[in-house]
Amino acid sequence: MNANLRIKDIIYPELSYTLMGLLYGVHNLLGPNFQEKYYQKAIEAQLKQNNIPFQREMLVRLNIKGINLGRYFIDFVIDQRIALEVKRLDFFTRKEWHQVMAYLDAAKLKLGILVNFSKPKLVYKRILNPRVKLISDSQIRDDSQV
């Protein structure tokens, strides 16, 4: 991590910190040898247990100028702000980065976390979407009351 980076520079610092702790906890419990679906189930259970709002397998339609081009299913969208993509791979490639960027663009989200459970230590990448503005906590509360 960059020594000049401060907690105030991190996007959604409290939610990010809580989510990363949860992901490390799941990895510590299960280790690196299970199928992706079991990590997803464990993450879902931990999100519920910690009262963190989320959507699982969130459907996002890709529409351009009124034309439906297709759809995506994002593993998790955390608190309407963070896309979480769970993988079990030997290593990340540009393919996974592009997949998360496509999700962020289609869902109009600022932050994606790509996480890999297949190694002895949890591996993750934070991916920022420069085309989307940050969502404040008050905007989340306002949107959920509509």
C-alpha atoms as a PDB file:
ATOM      1  CA  MET A   1       0.000   0.000   0.000  1.00  0.00           C
ATOM      2  CA  ASN A   2       1.191   3.512  -0.756  1.00  0.00           C
ATOM      3  CA  ALA A   3       2.612   5.082   2.413  1.00  0.00           C
ATOM      4  CA  ASN A   4       0.950   8.388   1.501  1.00  0.00           C
ATOM      5  CA  LEU A   5      -2.506   6.797   1.279  1.00  0.00           C
ATOM      6  CA  ARG A   6      -4.681   7.622   4.272  1.00  0.00           C
ATOM      7  CA  ILE A   7      -7.967   6.136   5.418  1.00  0.00           C
ATOM      8  CA  LYS A   8      -9.729   9.300   4.206  1.00  0.00           C
ATOM      9  CA  ASP A   9      -8.446   8.532   0.694  1.00  0.00           C
ATOM     10  CA  ILE A  10     -10.126   5.118   0.627  1.00  0.00           C
ATOM     11  CA  ILE A  11     -13.527   4.981  -1.029  1.00  0.00           C
ATOM     12  CA  TYR A  12     -16.264   3.979   1.426  1.00  0.00           C
ATOM     13  CA  PRO A  13     -13.679   3.412   4.188  1.00  0.00           C
ATOM     14  CA  GLU A  14     -15.931   2.001   6.932  1.00  0.00           C
ATOM     15  CA  LEU A  15     -17.874  -0.303   4.632  1.00  0.00           C
ATOM     16  CA  SER A  16     -14.690  -1.383   2.827  1.00  0.00           C
ATOM     17  CA  TYR A  17     -12.922  -2.134   6.110  1.00  0.00           C
ATOM     18  CA  THR A  18     -15.878  -4.144   7.435  1.00  0.00           C
ATOM     19  CA  LEU A  19     -16.271  -6.048   4.173  1.00  0.00           C
ATOM     20  CA  MET A  20     -12.570  -6.909   3.950  1.00  0.00           C
ATOM     21  CA  GLY A  21     -12.597  -8.160   7.540  1.00  0.00           C
ATOM     22  CA  LEU A  22     -15.568 -10.347   6.689  1.00  0.00           C
ATOM     23  CA  LEU A  23     -13.817 -11.731   3.567  1.00  0.00           C
ATOM     24  CA  TYR A  24     -10.638 -12.491   5.511  1.00  0.00           C
ATOM     25  CA  GLY A  25     -12.782 -14.200   8.148  1.00  0.00           C
ATOM     26  CA  VAL A  26     -14.436 -16.417   5.530  1.00  0.00           C
ATOM     27  CA  HIS A  27     -11.038 -17.317   4.085  1.00  0.00           C
ATOM     28  CA  ASN A  28      -9.669 -18.117   7.546  1.00  0.00           C
ATOM     29  CA  LEU A  29     -12.659 -20.392   8.243  1.00  0.00           C
ATOM     30  CA  LEU A  30     -12.720 -22.266   4.941  1.00  0.00           C
ATOM     31  CA  GLY A  31      -9.174 -22.039   3.614  1.00  0.00           C
ATOM     32  CA  PRO A  32      -8.371 -22.182  -0.119  1.00  0.00           C
ATOM     33  CA  ASN A  33      -9.784 -25.534  -1.243  1.00  0.00           C
ATOM     34  CA  PHE A  34     -13.545 -25.206  -1.704  1.00  0.00           C
ATOM     35  CA  GLN A  35     -15.683 -24.389  -4.729  1.00  0.00           C
ATOM     36  CA  GLU A  36     -16.647 -20.785  -5.418  1.00  0.00           C
ATOM     37  CA  LYS A  37     -20.294 -21.381  -4.462  1.00  0.00           C
ATOM     38  CA  TYR A  38     -19.331 -22.309  -0.886  1.00  0.00           C
ATOM     39  CA  TYR A  39     -17.398 -19.082  -0.411  1.00  0.00           C
ATOM     40  CA  GLN A  40     -20.419 -17.195  -1.763  1.00  0.00           C
ATOM     41  CA  LYS A  41     -22.725 -18.958   0.704  1.00  0.00           C
ATOM     42  CA  ALA A  42     -20.359 -18.222   3.584  1.00  0.00           C
ATOM     43  CA  ILE A  43     -20.098 -14.555   2.559  1.00  0.00           C
ATOM     44  CA  GLU A  44     -23.885 -14.302   2.356  1.00  0.00           C
ATOM     45  CA  ALA A  45     -24.237 -15.794   5.849  1.00  0.00           C
ATOM     46  CA  GLN A  46     -21.657 -13.360   7.250  1.00  0.00           C
ATOM     47  CA  LEU A  47     -23.298 -10.356   5.594  1.00  0.00           C
ATOM     48  CA  LYS A  48     -26.652 -11.351   7.124  1.00  0.00           C
ATOM     49  CA  GLN A  49     -25.106 -12.011  10.532  1.00  0.00           C
ATOM     50  CA  ASN A  50     -23.469  -8.571  10.480  1.00  0.00           C
ATOM     51  CA  ASN A  51     -26.621  -6.799   9.218  1.00  0.00           C
ATOM     52  CA  ILE A  52     -24.860  -5.499   6.114  1.00  0.00           C
ATOM     53  CA  PRO A  53     -27.362  -4.764   3.326  1.00  0.00           C
ATOM     54  CA  PHE A  54     -26.631  -6.608   0.092  1.00  0.00           C
ATOM     55  CA  GLN A  55     -28.111  -8.121  -3.031  1.00  0.00           C
ATOM     56  CA  ARG A  56     -26.934 -11.519  -4.223  1.00  0.00           C
ATOM     57  CA  GLU A  57     -26.688 -12.349  -7.936  1.00  0.00           C
ATOM     58  CA  MET A  58     -27.978  -8.869  -8.730  1.00  0.00           C
ATOM     59  CA  LEU A  59     -29.393  -8.637 -12.237  1.00  0.00           C
ATOM     60  CA  VAL A  60     -28.093  -5.659 -14.200  1.00  0.00           C
ATOM     61  CA  ARG A  61     -29.395  -5.030 -17.699  1.00  0.00           C
ATOM     62  CA  LEU A  62     -27.149  -3.438 -20.285  1.00  0.00           C
ATOM     63  CA  ASN A  63     -29.229  -0.933 -22.247  1.00  0.00           C
ATOM     64  CA  ILE A  64     -27.829   1.541 -24.749  1.00  0.00           C
ATOM     65  CA  LYS A  65     -30.212   4.134 -26.200  1.00  0.00           C
ATOM     66  CA  GLY A  66     -33.219   1.972 -25.357  1.00  0.00           C
ATOM     67  CA  ILE A  67     -31.764  -1.185 -26.892  1.00  0.00           C
ATOM     68  CA  ASN A  68     -31.348  -4.154 -24.563  1.00  0.00           C
ATOM     69  CA  LEU A  69     -27.884  -5.570 -25.305  1.00  0.00           C
ATOM     70  CA  GLY A  70     -27.788  -8.152 -22.552  1.00  0.00           C
ATOM     71  CA  ARG A  71     -27.522  -8.637 -18.835  1.00  0.00           C
ATOM     72  CA  TYR A  72     -25.056  -9.333 -16.062  1.00  0.00           C
ATOM     73  CA  PHE A  73     -25.374 -11.050 -12.711  1.00  0.00           C
ATOM     74  CA  ILE A  74     -23.096  -9.510 -10.084  1.00  0.00           C
ATOM     75  CA  ASP A  75     -22.171 -11.940  -7.288  1.00  0.00           C
ATOM     76  CA  PHE A  76     -22.914  -9.348  -4.578  1.00  0.00           C
ATOM     77  CA  VAL A  77     -23.742  -5.657  -4.441  1.00  0.00           C
ATOM     78  CA  ILE A  78     -22.982  -4.439  -0.940  1.00  0.00           C
ATOM     79  CA  ASP A  79     -25.067  -1.561   0.441  1.00  0.00           C
ATOM     80  CA  GLN A  80     -25.858  -0.316  -3.089  1.00  0.00           C
ATOM     81  CA  ARG A  81     -22.229   0.841  -3.359  1.00  0.00           C
ATOM     82  CA  ILE A  82     -19.721  -1.980  -3.840  1.00  0.00           C
ATOM     83  CA  ALA A  83     -19.733  -4.765  -6.422  1.00  0.00           C
ATOM     84  CA  LEU A  84     -18.118  -7.905  -5.013  1.00  0.00           C
ATOM     85  CA  GLU A  85     -16.981 -10.586  -7.452  1.00  0.00           C
ATOM     86  CA  VAL A  86     -15.897 -13.899  -5.914  1.00  0.00           C
ATOM     87  CA  LYS A  87     -13.393 -16.101  -7.746  1.00  0.00           C
ATOM     88  CA  ARG A  88     -11.334 -19.227  -7.266  1.00  0.00           C
ATOM     89  CA  LEU A  89      -8.496 -18.950  -9.794  1.00  0.00           C
ATOM     90  CA  ASP A  90      -4.771 -19.572 -10.075  1.00  0.00           C
ATOM     91  CA  PHE A  91      -4.344 -15.824 -10.655  1.00  0.00           C
ATOM     92  CA  PHE A  92      -6.243 -12.776 -11.869  1.00  0.00           C
ATOM     93  CA  THR A  93      -6.007 -11.773 -15.514  1.00  0.00           C
ATOM     94  CA  ARG A  94      -7.218  -8.727 -17.415  1.00  0.00           C
ATOM     95  CA  LYS A  95     -10.355 -10.744 -18.189  1.00  0.00           C
ATOM     96  CA  GLU A  96     -11.501 -10.573 -14.548  1.00  0.00           C
ATOM     97  CA  TRP A  97     -10.615  -6.875 -14.308  1.00  0.00           C
ATOM     98  CA  HIS A  98     -12.667  -6.149 -17.452  1.00  0.00           C
ATOM     99  CA  GLN A  99     -15.547  -8.242 -16.098  1.00  0.00           C
ATOM    100  CA  VAL A 100     -15.719  -6.162 -12.916  1.00  0.00           C
ATOM    101  CA  MET A 101     -15.350  -2.889 -14.859  1.00  0.00           C
ATOM    102  CA  ALA A 102     -18.277  -3.930 -17.076  1.00  0.00           C
ATOM    103  CA  TYR A 103     -20.338  -4.635 -13.946  1.00  0.00           C
ATOM    104  CA  LEU A 104     -19.416  -1.251 -12.469  1.00  0.00           C
ATOM    105  CA  ASP A 105     -20.337   0.574 -15.673  1.00  0.00           C
ATOM    106  CA  ALA A 106     -23.623  -1.282 -16.170  1.00  0.00           C
ATOM    107  CA  ALA A 107     -24.682  -0.902 -12.518  1.00  0.00           C
ATOM    108  CA  LYS A 108     -23.283   2.654 -12.236  1.00  0.00           C
ATOM    109  CA  LEU A 109     -21.158   1.747  -9.209  1.00  0.00           C
ATOM    110  CA  LYS A 110     -17.893   3.427  -8.158  1.00  0.00           C
ATOM    111  CA  LEU A 111     -16.085   0.534  -6.444  1.00  0.00           C
ATOM    112  CA  GLY A 112     -15.636  -3.143  -7.205  1.00  0.00           C
ATOM    113  CA  ILE A 113     -13.742  -5.714  -5.188  1.00  0.00           C
ATOM    114  CA  LEU A 114     -12.446  -8.770  -6.990  1.00  0.00           C
ATOM    115  CA  VAL A 115     -11.519 -11.469  -4.480  1.00  0.00           C
ATOM    116  CA  ASN A 116      -9.714 -14.781  -5.010  1.00  0.00           C
ATOM    117  CA  PHE A 117     -10.052 -17.542  -2.420  1.00  0.00           C
ATOM    118  CA  SER A 118      -7.773 -20.145  -4.065  1.00  0.00           C
ATOM    119  CA  LYS A 119      -4.508 -19.131  -2.396  1.00  0.00           C
ATOM    120  CA  PRO A 120      -3.229 -19.727   1.159  1.00  0.00           C
ATOM    121  CA  LYS A 121      -3.712 -15.973   1.713  1.00  0.00           C
ATOM    122  CA  LEU A 122      -6.717 -14.025   0.459  1.00  0.00           C
ATOM    123  CA  VAL A 123      -5.962 -12.106  -2.756  1.00  0.00           C
ATOM    124  CA  TYR A 124      -8.055  -9.102  -3.750  1.00  0.00           C
ATOM    125  CA  LYS A 125      -8.104  -6.110  -6.070  1.00  0.00           C
ATOM    126  CA  ARG A 126     -10.008  -2.874  -5.543  1.00  0.00           C
ATOM    127  CA  ILE A 127     -11.252  -1.579  -8.881  1.00  0.00           C
ATOM    128  CA  LEU A 128     -12.437   2.019  -9.242  1.00  0.00           C
ATOM    129  CA  ASN A 129     -14.817   3.236 -11.905  1.00  0.00           C
ATOM    130  CA  PRO A 130     -13.726   6.765 -12.888  1.00  0.00           C
ATOM    131  CA  ARG A 131     -17.007   7.391 -14.719  1.00  0.00           C
ATOM    132  CA  VAL A 132     -19.166   7.272 -11.574  1.00  0.00           C
ATOM    133  CA  LYS A 133     -19.369   9.711  -8.666  1.00  0.00           C
ATOM    134  CA  LEU A 134     -19.272   8.561  -5.060  1.00  0.00           C
ATOM    135  CA  ILE A 135     -22.568   7.850  -3.342  1.00  0.00           C
ATOM    136  CA  SER A 136     -22.915   9.373   0.107  1.00  0.00           C
ATOM    137  CA  ASP A 137     -24.572   7.668   3.064  1.00  0.00           C
ATOM    138  CA  SER A 138     -27.419  10.208   2.956  1.00  0.00           C
ATOM    139  CA  GLN A 139     -28.110   9.364  -0.710  1.00  0.00           C
ATOM    140  CA  ILE A 140     -28.364   5.665   0.200  1.00  0.00           C
ATOM    141  CA  ARG A 141     -30.869   6.449   2.957  1.00  0.00           C
ATOM    142  CA  ASP A 142     -32.875   8.763   0.676  1.00  0.00           C
ATOM    143  CA  ASP A 143     -33.009   6.202  -2.151  1.00  0.00           C
ATOM    144  CA  SER A 144     -34.100   3.388   0.156  1.00  0.00           C
ATOM    145  CA  GLN A 145     -37.043   5.461   1.419  1.00  0.00           C
ATOM    146  CA  VAL A 146     -38.508   5.990  -2.055  1.00  0.00           C
END
